[in-house]
N, C-alpha and C. Protein backbone atom coordinates (compact mmCIF):
# COMPACT_ATOMS: atom_id res chain seq x y z
N MET A 1 131.47 -159.48 20.33
CA MET A 1 132.07 -158.76 21.51
C MET A 1 133.46 -159.41 21.66
N SER A 2 134.56 -158.36 21.59
CA SER A 2 135.97 -158.89 21.96
C SER A 2 136.16 -158.76 23.65
N GLY A 3 137.09 -159.23 23.94
CA GLY A 3 137.36 -159.36 25.40
C GLY A 3 136.96 -160.69 26.01
N PRO A 4 136.88 -160.61 27.32
CA PRO A 4 136.50 -161.98 28.15
C PRO A 4 135.24 -162.59 27.93
N LYS A 5 135.19 -163.77 27.96
CA LYS A 5 134.03 -164.54 27.77
C LYS A 5 133.08 -164.23 29.13
N VAL A 6 133.77 -164.08 30.26
CA VAL A 6 133.02 -163.72 31.60
C VAL A 6 134.07 -163.04 32.43
N VAL A 7 133.30 -161.92 33.18
CA VAL A 7 134.13 -161.17 34.00
C VAL A 7 133.28 -161.40 35.42
N LEU A 8 134.11 -161.81 36.43
CA LEU A 8 133.50 -162.05 37.77
C LEU A 8 133.95 -160.93 38.55
N VAL A 9 132.99 -160.44 39.20
CA VAL A 9 133.06 -159.33 40.29
C VAL A 9 132.39 -159.76 41.47
N GLY A 10 132.90 -159.09 42.74
CA GLY A 10 132.21 -159.61 43.97
C GLY A 10 133.04 -159.27 44.87
N PRO A 11 132.79 -159.57 46.36
CA PRO A 11 133.46 -159.23 47.43
C PRO A 11 134.66 -160.24 47.64
N MET A 12 135.59 -159.70 48.51
CA MET A 12 136.75 -160.59 48.86
C MET A 12 136.11 -162.10 49.36
N GLY A 13 136.63 -163.15 49.05
CA GLY A 13 136.28 -164.37 49.56
C GLY A 13 135.08 -164.97 49.07
N VAL A 14 134.52 -164.38 48.01
CA VAL A 14 133.26 -164.81 47.39
C VAL A 14 133.43 -166.14 46.47
N GLY A 15 134.74 -166.40 46.23
CA GLY A 15 135.11 -167.58 45.17
C GLY A 15 135.27 -167.15 43.73
N LYS A 16 135.56 -165.89 43.56
CA LYS A 16 135.85 -165.66 42.14
C LYS A 16 136.87 -166.40 41.44
N SER A 17 138.07 -166.61 42.16
CA SER A 17 139.13 -167.45 41.57
C SER A 17 138.68 -168.91 41.45
N THR A 18 138.14 -169.56 42.34
CA THR A 18 137.75 -170.88 42.44
C THR A 18 136.66 -171.11 41.27
N VAL A 19 135.62 -170.30 41.17
CA VAL A 19 134.64 -170.36 40.26
C VAL A 19 135.15 -170.20 38.91
N GLY A 20 136.12 -169.05 38.97
CA GLY A 20 136.64 -168.69 37.45
C GLY A 20 137.52 -169.81 36.96
N ASP A 21 138.28 -170.52 37.73
CA ASP A 21 138.98 -171.82 37.16
C ASP A 21 137.96 -172.73 36.58
N MET A 22 136.96 -173.00 37.31
CA MET A 22 135.93 -173.86 36.99
C MET A 22 135.32 -173.61 35.68
N LEU A 23 135.00 -172.09 35.49
CA LEU A 23 134.24 -171.67 34.30
C LEU A 23 135.28 -171.89 33.12
N ALA A 24 136.70 -171.38 33.11
CA ALA A 24 137.55 -171.56 32.33
C ALA A 24 137.47 -172.96 31.80
N GLU A 25 137.73 -174.01 32.70
CA GLU A 25 137.69 -175.33 32.28
C GLU A 25 136.63 -175.76 31.52
N ARG A 26 135.41 -175.50 31.93
CA ARG A 26 133.95 -175.81 31.26
C ARG A 26 133.91 -175.02 29.92
N LEU A 27 134.51 -173.83 29.89
CA LEU A 27 134.51 -173.24 28.33
C LEU A 27 135.56 -173.31 27.61
N ASP A 28 136.63 -174.26 28.03
CA ASP A 28 137.78 -174.48 27.29
C ASP A 28 138.48 -173.37 26.92
N THR A 29 138.82 -172.52 27.97
CA THR A 29 139.62 -171.28 27.80
C THR A 29 140.48 -171.16 28.99
N VAL A 30 141.13 -170.12 29.22
CA VAL A 30 141.96 -169.76 30.35
C VAL A 30 141.48 -168.77 31.24
N PHE A 31 141.79 -168.87 32.50
CA PHE A 31 141.46 -167.89 33.57
C PHE A 31 142.54 -166.93 33.94
N ARG A 32 142.05 -165.90 34.23
CA ARG A 32 143.07 -164.89 34.60
C ARG A 32 142.42 -164.00 35.70
N ASP A 33 143.31 -163.76 36.86
CA ASP A 33 142.82 -162.74 37.93
C ASP A 33 143.65 -161.55 37.93
N THR A 34 143.04 -160.48 37.92
CA THR A 34 143.84 -159.23 38.06
C THR A 34 144.54 -159.08 39.18
N ASP A 35 144.19 -159.56 40.39
CA ASP A 35 145.00 -159.45 41.65
C ASP A 35 146.35 -160.22 41.32
N ASP A 36 146.15 -161.37 40.76
CA ASP A 36 147.40 -162.00 40.38
C ASP A 36 148.36 -161.34 39.43
N ASP A 37 147.72 -160.64 38.57
CA ASP A 37 148.53 -159.85 37.58
C ASP A 37 149.22 -158.68 38.36
N ILE A 38 148.69 -158.24 39.37
CA ILE A 38 149.37 -157.05 40.10
C ILE A 38 150.52 -157.70 41.10
N VAL A 39 150.04 -158.62 41.66
CA VAL A 39 151.11 -159.55 42.54
C VAL A 39 152.53 -159.83 41.75
N GLY A 40 152.09 -160.43 40.55
CA GLY A 40 153.23 -160.73 39.64
C GLY A 40 154.07 -159.74 39.10
N ALA A 41 153.41 -158.45 38.91
CA ALA A 41 154.21 -157.38 38.36
C ALA A 41 154.90 -156.53 39.33
N GLN A 42 154.39 -156.75 40.55
CA GLN A 42 154.95 -156.04 41.70
C GLN A 42 155.94 -156.76 42.53
N GLY A 43 155.92 -158.14 42.46
CA GLY A 43 156.69 -158.95 43.17
C GLY A 43 156.40 -158.83 44.63
N ARG A 44 155.17 -158.37 45.14
CA ARG A 44 154.70 -158.18 46.50
C ARG A 44 153.40 -158.73 46.60
N THR A 45 152.88 -159.02 47.67
CA THR A 45 151.41 -159.37 47.96
C THR A 45 150.59 -157.96 47.93
N ILE A 46 149.33 -158.14 47.82
CA ILE A 46 148.50 -156.98 47.82
C ILE A 46 148.53 -156.34 49.29
N ALA A 47 148.63 -157.21 50.25
CA ALA A 47 148.62 -156.61 51.59
C ALA A 47 150.03 -155.70 51.80
N GLU A 48 151.21 -156.11 51.10
CA GLU A 48 152.31 -155.47 51.22
C GLU A 48 152.31 -154.10 50.53
N ILE A 49 151.51 -154.22 49.28
CA ILE A 49 151.49 -152.94 48.54
C ILE A 49 150.46 -152.03 49.32
N PHE A 50 149.33 -152.50 50.02
CA PHE A 50 148.56 -151.59 50.87
C PHE A 50 149.39 -150.95 51.90
N VAL A 51 150.16 -151.90 52.63
CA VAL A 51 151.06 -151.29 53.78
C VAL A 51 152.19 -150.24 53.19
N ASP A 52 152.82 -150.76 52.20
CA ASP A 52 154.14 -149.94 51.83
C ASP A 52 153.77 -148.73 51.04
N ASP A 53 152.86 -148.83 50.22
CA ASP A 53 152.27 -147.76 49.27
C ASP A 53 150.95 -147.08 49.51
N GLY A 54 150.02 -147.79 50.34
CA GLY A 54 148.72 -147.22 50.62
C GLY A 54 147.74 -147.58 49.57
N GLU A 55 146.43 -147.48 49.93
CA GLU A 55 145.44 -147.86 49.09
C GLU A 55 145.20 -147.19 47.74
N ALA A 56 145.60 -145.74 47.62
CA ALA A 56 145.42 -145.28 46.39
C ALA A 56 146.46 -145.78 45.30
N ARG A 57 147.60 -145.92 45.73
CA ARG A 57 148.72 -146.56 44.94
C ARG A 57 148.14 -147.97 44.46
N PHE A 58 147.61 -148.78 45.33
CA PHE A 58 147.11 -149.97 44.90
C PHE A 58 145.89 -149.75 43.81
N ARG A 59 145.00 -148.90 44.17
CA ARG A 59 143.81 -148.74 43.34
C ARG A 59 144.39 -148.27 41.84
N ALA A 60 145.38 -147.60 41.72
CA ALA A 60 145.96 -147.18 40.49
C ALA A 60 146.41 -148.35 39.80
N LEU A 61 147.37 -149.26 40.39
CA LEU A 61 147.78 -150.38 39.91
C LEU A 61 146.59 -151.30 39.36
N GLU A 62 145.58 -151.42 40.21
CA GLU A 62 144.42 -152.25 39.88
C GLU A 62 143.71 -151.74 38.67
N LYS A 63 143.34 -150.30 38.53
CA LYS A 63 142.88 -149.83 37.57
C LYS A 63 143.53 -150.09 36.08
N ALA A 64 144.98 -150.04 36.23
CA ALA A 64 145.75 -150.32 34.97
C ALA A 64 145.72 -151.78 34.56
N ALA A 65 145.75 -152.68 35.71
CA ALA A 65 145.58 -154.27 35.35
C ALA A 65 144.21 -154.53 34.75
N VAL A 66 143.17 -154.02 35.19
CA VAL A 66 141.88 -154.23 34.67
C VAL A 66 141.69 -153.78 33.30
N ALA A 67 142.14 -152.65 33.00
CA ALA A 67 142.17 -152.15 31.67
C ALA A 67 142.89 -153.07 30.81
N THR A 68 144.16 -153.45 31.09
CA THR A 68 145.04 -154.26 30.20
C THR A 68 144.18 -155.62 29.99
N ALA A 69 143.78 -156.23 31.20
CA ALA A 69 143.10 -157.59 31.12
C ALA A 69 141.75 -157.40 30.15
N LEU A 70 141.09 -156.48 30.28
CA LEU A 70 139.71 -156.34 29.43
C LEU A 70 140.16 -156.29 28.05
N ALA A 71 141.25 -155.64 27.76
CA ALA A 71 141.74 -155.43 26.42
C ALA A 71 142.42 -156.65 25.67
N GLU A 72 143.05 -157.34 26.52
CA GLU A 72 143.64 -158.27 25.81
C GLU A 72 143.40 -159.93 26.07
N HIS A 73 142.56 -160.07 27.22
CA HIS A 73 142.34 -161.36 27.59
C HIS A 73 140.77 -161.89 26.97
N ASP A 74 140.73 -162.94 26.45
CA ASP A 74 139.46 -163.36 25.92
C ASP A 74 138.78 -164.59 26.69
N GLY A 75 139.41 -165.03 27.81
CA GLY A 75 138.96 -166.17 28.78
C GLY A 75 137.91 -165.77 29.73
N VAL A 76 138.11 -166.28 31.06
CA VAL A 76 137.54 -165.79 32.18
C VAL A 76 138.35 -165.04 32.89
N LEU A 77 137.67 -163.95 33.28
CA LEU A 77 138.46 -162.95 34.11
C LEU A 77 137.96 -162.53 35.42
N ALA A 78 138.61 -162.60 36.50
CA ALA A 78 138.19 -162.27 37.89
C ALA A 78 138.86 -160.99 38.28
N LEU A 79 138.08 -160.08 38.68
CA LEU A 79 138.48 -158.67 39.27
C LEU A 79 138.57 -158.68 40.70
N GLY A 80 139.56 -157.88 41.45
CA GLY A 80 139.75 -157.74 42.69
C GLY A 80 138.33 -157.17 43.30
N GLY A 81 138.17 -157.27 44.62
CA GLY A 81 136.88 -156.94 45.08
C GLY A 81 136.56 -155.45 45.08
N GLY A 82 137.59 -154.60 45.06
CA GLY A 82 137.53 -153.02 45.07
C GLY A 82 137.62 -152.52 43.66
N ALA A 83 137.74 -153.25 42.70
CA ALA A 83 137.98 -152.82 41.11
C ALA A 83 136.91 -151.97 40.84
N ILE A 84 135.80 -152.25 41.08
CA ILE A 84 134.49 -151.44 40.50
C ILE A 84 134.37 -150.17 41.28
N LEU A 85 135.17 -149.79 42.17
CA LEU A 85 135.22 -148.54 42.97
C LEU A 85 135.55 -147.27 41.79
N ASP A 86 136.30 -147.61 40.96
CA ASP A 86 136.85 -146.77 39.92
C ASP A 86 135.80 -146.49 38.82
N ALA A 87 135.15 -145.17 38.51
CA ALA A 87 134.27 -144.86 37.48
C ALA A 87 134.72 -145.37 36.09
N GLU A 88 135.98 -145.16 35.83
CA GLU A 88 136.51 -145.51 34.46
C GLU A 88 136.45 -146.94 34.26
N THR A 89 136.73 -147.64 35.36
CA THR A 89 136.74 -149.19 35.31
C THR A 89 135.44 -149.69 35.03
N ARG A 90 134.45 -149.25 35.74
CA ARG A 90 133.09 -149.53 35.56
C ARG A 90 132.54 -149.21 34.28
N ALA A 91 133.13 -148.08 33.61
CA ALA A 91 132.69 -147.86 32.22
C ALA A 91 133.28 -148.74 31.19
N LEU A 92 134.46 -149.30 31.54
CA LEU A 92 135.12 -150.24 30.61
C LEU A 92 134.45 -151.59 30.59
N LEU A 93 133.70 -151.79 31.74
CA LEU A 93 133.02 -153.12 31.95
C LEU A 93 131.65 -153.24 31.09
N ALA A 94 131.25 -151.93 30.85
CA ALA A 94 129.99 -152.03 29.88
C ALA A 94 129.96 -152.80 28.59
N GLY A 95 129.00 -153.62 28.40
CA GLY A 95 128.96 -154.41 27.36
C GLY A 95 129.61 -155.89 27.46
N HIS A 96 130.28 -156.07 28.48
CA HIS A 96 130.92 -157.46 28.85
C HIS A 96 129.94 -158.19 29.70
N HIS A 97 130.20 -159.63 29.44
CA HIS A 97 129.43 -160.50 30.36
C HIS A 97 130.01 -160.53 31.74
N VAL A 98 129.37 -159.59 32.66
CA VAL A 98 129.92 -159.32 34.01
C VAL A 98 129.01 -160.13 34.87
N VAL A 99 129.58 -160.90 35.76
CA VAL A 99 128.68 -161.66 36.69
C VAL A 99 129.03 -161.16 38.01
N TYR A 100 128.13 -160.71 38.89
CA TYR A 100 128.40 -160.33 40.16
C TYR A 100 128.10 -161.68 41.20
N LEU A 101 129.15 -162.22 41.69
CA LEU A 101 128.93 -163.18 42.65
C LEU A 101 128.82 -162.59 44.07
N SER A 102 127.34 -162.76 44.50
CA SER A 102 126.99 -162.18 45.90
C SER A 102 127.08 -163.19 47.01
N MET A 103 127.26 -162.72 48.24
CA MET A 103 127.11 -163.33 49.45
C MET A 103 126.84 -162.63 50.55
N ASP A 104 126.23 -163.08 51.81
CA ASP A 104 125.89 -162.23 52.82
C ASP A 104 126.98 -162.29 53.82
N VAL A 105 127.00 -161.57 54.94
CA VAL A 105 128.01 -161.55 55.84
C VAL A 105 128.32 -162.85 56.55
N ASP A 106 127.26 -163.68 56.77
CA ASP A 106 127.41 -164.79 57.47
C ASP A 106 128.21 -165.87 56.58
N GLU A 107 127.99 -165.78 55.30
CA GLU A 107 128.71 -166.78 54.32
C GLU A 107 130.10 -166.15 54.32
N ALA A 108 130.27 -165.04 54.29
CA ALA A 108 131.78 -164.40 54.23
C ALA A 108 132.53 -164.82 55.48
N ALA A 109 131.85 -164.77 56.62
CA ALA A 109 132.45 -165.21 57.78
C ALA A 109 133.00 -166.55 57.75
N LYS A 110 132.13 -167.50 57.12
CA LYS A 110 132.20 -168.90 56.99
C LYS A 110 133.59 -169.10 56.13
N ARG A 111 133.46 -168.41 55.00
CA ARG A 111 134.59 -168.71 53.94
C ARG A 111 136.00 -168.07 54.20
N THR A 112 136.02 -166.97 54.71
CA THR A 112 137.18 -166.19 54.90
C THR A 112 137.56 -166.13 56.29
N GLY A 113 136.60 -166.38 57.25
CA GLY A 113 136.86 -166.30 58.58
C GLY A 113 137.10 -164.75 59.06
N LEU A 114 136.67 -163.86 57.90
CA LEU A 114 136.94 -162.47 58.18
C LEU A 114 138.21 -162.12 58.86
N ASN A 115 139.33 -162.72 58.45
CA ASN A 115 140.47 -162.45 59.23
C ASN A 115 141.33 -161.32 58.80
N VAL A 116 142.39 -161.07 59.62
CA VAL A 116 143.19 -159.83 59.41
C VAL A 116 144.12 -159.81 58.31
N ALA A 117 144.16 -160.96 57.53
CA ALA A 117 145.23 -161.17 56.47
C ALA A 117 144.57 -160.27 55.37
N ARG A 118 143.42 -159.73 55.46
CA ARG A 118 142.71 -158.77 54.36
C ARG A 118 143.00 -157.32 54.84
N PRO A 119 143.84 -156.60 54.17
CA PRO A 119 144.06 -155.29 54.60
C PRO A 119 142.88 -154.31 54.96
N LEU A 120 141.71 -154.66 54.34
CA LEU A 120 140.75 -153.55 54.44
C LEU A 120 139.79 -154.18 55.64
N LEU A 121 140.07 -155.26 56.22
CA LEU A 121 139.39 -155.83 57.31
C LEU A 121 140.04 -155.94 58.69
N ALA A 122 141.16 -155.24 58.72
CA ALA A 122 142.14 -155.27 60.05
C ALA A 122 141.47 -155.29 61.24
N VAL A 123 140.56 -154.21 61.39
CA VAL A 123 139.95 -153.82 62.85
C VAL A 123 138.48 -154.24 62.54
N ASN A 124 137.93 -155.19 63.60
CA ASN A 124 136.58 -155.41 63.60
C ASN A 124 135.91 -155.93 62.08
N PRO A 125 136.53 -157.13 61.78
CA PRO A 125 136.26 -157.56 60.31
C PRO A 125 134.81 -157.68 59.83
N ARG A 126 134.04 -157.93 60.75
CA ARG A 126 132.50 -158.28 60.55
C ARG A 126 131.88 -156.97 60.09
N LYS A 127 132.06 -155.95 60.99
CA LYS A 127 131.47 -154.58 60.91
C LYS A 127 132.12 -153.92 59.69
N GLN A 128 133.35 -154.09 59.29
CA GLN A 128 134.07 -153.57 58.14
C GLN A 128 133.59 -154.27 56.90
N TRP A 129 133.49 -155.49 56.94
CA TRP A 129 132.87 -156.20 55.77
C TRP A 129 131.56 -155.76 55.42
N ARG A 130 130.65 -155.48 56.52
CA ARG A 130 129.26 -154.92 56.06
C ARG A 130 129.37 -153.50 55.61
N GLU A 131 130.13 -152.72 56.03
CA GLU A 131 130.38 -151.37 55.54
C GLU A 131 130.96 -151.32 54.26
N LEU A 132 131.97 -152.22 53.84
CA LEU A 132 132.46 -152.34 52.52
C LEU A 132 131.30 -152.68 51.55
N MET A 133 130.43 -153.62 51.92
CA MET A 133 129.40 -154.09 51.19
C MET A 133 128.31 -153.06 50.75
N GLU A 134 128.02 -152.20 52.00
CA GLU A 134 127.03 -151.24 51.76
C GLU A 134 127.47 -150.04 50.84
N ALA A 135 129.02 -149.91 50.81
CA ALA A 135 129.54 -149.05 49.84
C ALA A 135 129.60 -149.48 48.41
N ARG A 136 129.68 -150.91 48.40
CA ARG A 136 130.02 -151.40 47.05
C ARG A 136 128.83 -152.26 46.32
N ARG A 137 127.84 -152.66 47.05
CA ARG A 137 126.84 -153.63 46.44
C ARG A 137 126.15 -152.76 45.21
N HIS A 138 125.75 -151.75 45.27
CA HIS A 138 125.33 -151.02 44.31
C HIS A 138 125.98 -150.80 42.98
N LEU A 139 127.60 -150.76 43.21
CA LEU A 139 128.50 -150.68 42.14
C LEU A 139 128.53 -152.01 41.43
N TYR A 140 128.73 -153.23 42.38
CA TYR A 140 128.58 -154.52 41.72
C TYR A 140 127.37 -154.67 40.81
N THR A 141 126.25 -154.38 41.52
CA THR A 141 124.91 -154.43 40.74
C THR A 141 125.01 -153.66 39.41
N GLU A 142 125.50 -152.48 39.60
CA GLU A 142 125.62 -151.40 38.34
C GLU A 142 126.43 -152.11 37.17
N VAL A 143 127.39 -152.81 37.36
CA VAL A 143 128.26 -153.26 36.30
C VAL A 143 127.79 -154.70 35.72
N ALA A 144 127.00 -155.43 36.78
CA ALA A 144 126.68 -156.87 36.31
C ALA A 144 125.51 -157.03 35.42
N ALA A 145 125.82 -158.08 34.41
CA ALA A 145 124.78 -158.32 33.61
C ALA A 145 123.78 -159.20 34.32
N VAL A 146 124.36 -160.25 35.12
CA VAL A 146 123.62 -160.95 36.07
C VAL A 146 124.24 -161.11 37.47
N VAL A 147 123.37 -161.43 38.44
CA VAL A 147 123.82 -161.57 39.75
C VAL A 147 123.53 -163.22 40.15
N VAL A 148 124.60 -163.78 40.67
CA VAL A 148 124.42 -165.22 41.11
C VAL A 148 124.89 -165.22 42.57
N ALA A 149 123.90 -165.55 43.30
CA ALA A 149 124.06 -165.77 44.80
C ALA A 149 125.00 -167.08 44.95
N THR A 150 125.89 -166.77 45.85
CA THR A 150 126.78 -168.04 46.17
C THR A 150 126.53 -168.66 47.48
N ASP A 151 125.43 -167.94 48.32
CA ASP A 151 125.42 -168.54 49.77
C ASP A 151 124.88 -170.02 49.69
N GLY A 152 125.53 -170.80 50.52
CA GLY A 152 125.19 -172.13 50.64
C GLY A 152 125.19 -173.02 49.40
N ARG A 153 126.19 -172.56 48.51
CA ARG A 153 126.34 -173.23 47.15
C ARG A 153 127.76 -173.54 47.16
N GLY A 154 128.12 -174.85 46.61
CA GLY A 154 129.49 -175.08 46.26
C GLY A 154 129.98 -174.40 45.08
N PRO A 155 131.30 -174.56 44.68
CA PRO A 155 131.66 -173.79 43.55
C PRO A 155 131.20 -174.53 42.30
N ASP A 156 131.06 -175.66 42.30
CA ASP A 156 130.45 -176.42 41.03
C ASP A 156 129.22 -175.86 40.49
N GLU A 157 128.29 -175.85 41.59
CA GLU A 157 126.78 -175.20 41.62
C GLU A 157 126.76 -173.83 41.11
N VAL A 158 127.77 -173.05 41.59
CA VAL A 158 127.92 -171.56 41.32
C VAL A 158 128.38 -171.36 39.77
N ALA A 159 129.29 -172.26 39.55
CA ALA A 159 129.84 -172.13 38.03
C ALA A 159 128.70 -172.46 37.21
N GLN A 160 127.85 -173.51 37.33
CA GLN A 160 126.90 -174.00 36.44
C GLN A 160 125.72 -172.92 36.42
N ALA A 161 125.52 -172.22 37.67
CA ALA A 161 124.51 -171.10 37.72
C ALA A 161 125.00 -169.97 36.70
N VAL A 162 126.25 -169.57 36.78
CA VAL A 162 126.87 -168.55 35.96
C VAL A 162 126.73 -168.93 34.45
N LEU A 163 126.91 -170.24 34.09
CA LEU A 163 126.74 -170.61 32.62
C LEU A 163 125.35 -170.60 32.25
N ASP A 164 124.52 -171.02 33.16
CA ASP A 164 122.86 -170.98 32.93
C ASP A 164 122.56 -169.44 32.71
N ALA A 165 122.99 -168.73 33.59
CA ALA A 165 122.50 -167.25 33.66
C ALA A 165 122.88 -166.40 32.38
N LEU A 166 124.13 -166.71 32.00
CA LEU A 166 124.74 -166.22 30.63
C LEU A 166 124.34 -166.95 29.51
N GLU A 167 123.66 -168.17 29.65
CA GLU A 167 123.28 -168.95 28.45
C GLU A 167 124.55 -169.40 27.72
N LEU A 168 125.66 -169.70 28.39
CA LEU A 168 126.87 -169.99 27.73
C LEU A 168 126.72 -171.56 27.54
N LYS A 169 127.38 -172.03 26.54
CA LYS A 169 127.55 -173.62 26.34
C LYS A 169 128.88 -174.04 26.77
N GLN A 170 128.83 -175.16 27.61
CA GLN A 170 130.13 -175.64 27.90
C GLN A 170 130.91 -176.30 26.68
N ALA A 171 132.16 -176.20 26.61
CA ALA A 171 132.86 -176.71 25.64
C ALA A 171 132.99 -178.29 25.58
């Protein structure tokens, strides 16, 4: 199979970047985050893109960034929390080693503080996080080869659980 060795999906703040970096190191490969690709190409933060151009424009940029990364990257890839909203993106993920990193709302609150720096959580963050997860959980599960719970686990433990679940050998 061509493409990334591992693709990480899950909600904002679950640790995709931290775990992705660790996985890349353990697999002796490189890590890539599509959110970083978008920020680099646009020269603005994701929050700025949301405010200036709207969510629809951001989602179009995200869809293109994911398609490009899936086609050209062969390391560990992390997708933004909402990337799985697009049906074509979900179809592109078929056949890849997709890992859904899951967490509950209490864990999200601990990790992110559910603060307003996240554009989709600007008002009543805890309620909005729950609503986002209700809308997205089935999509994360749909694209995932495996689900790894992150609640109460450190990044090292999560990275090892991903390797074990996918039966990947460390370099």
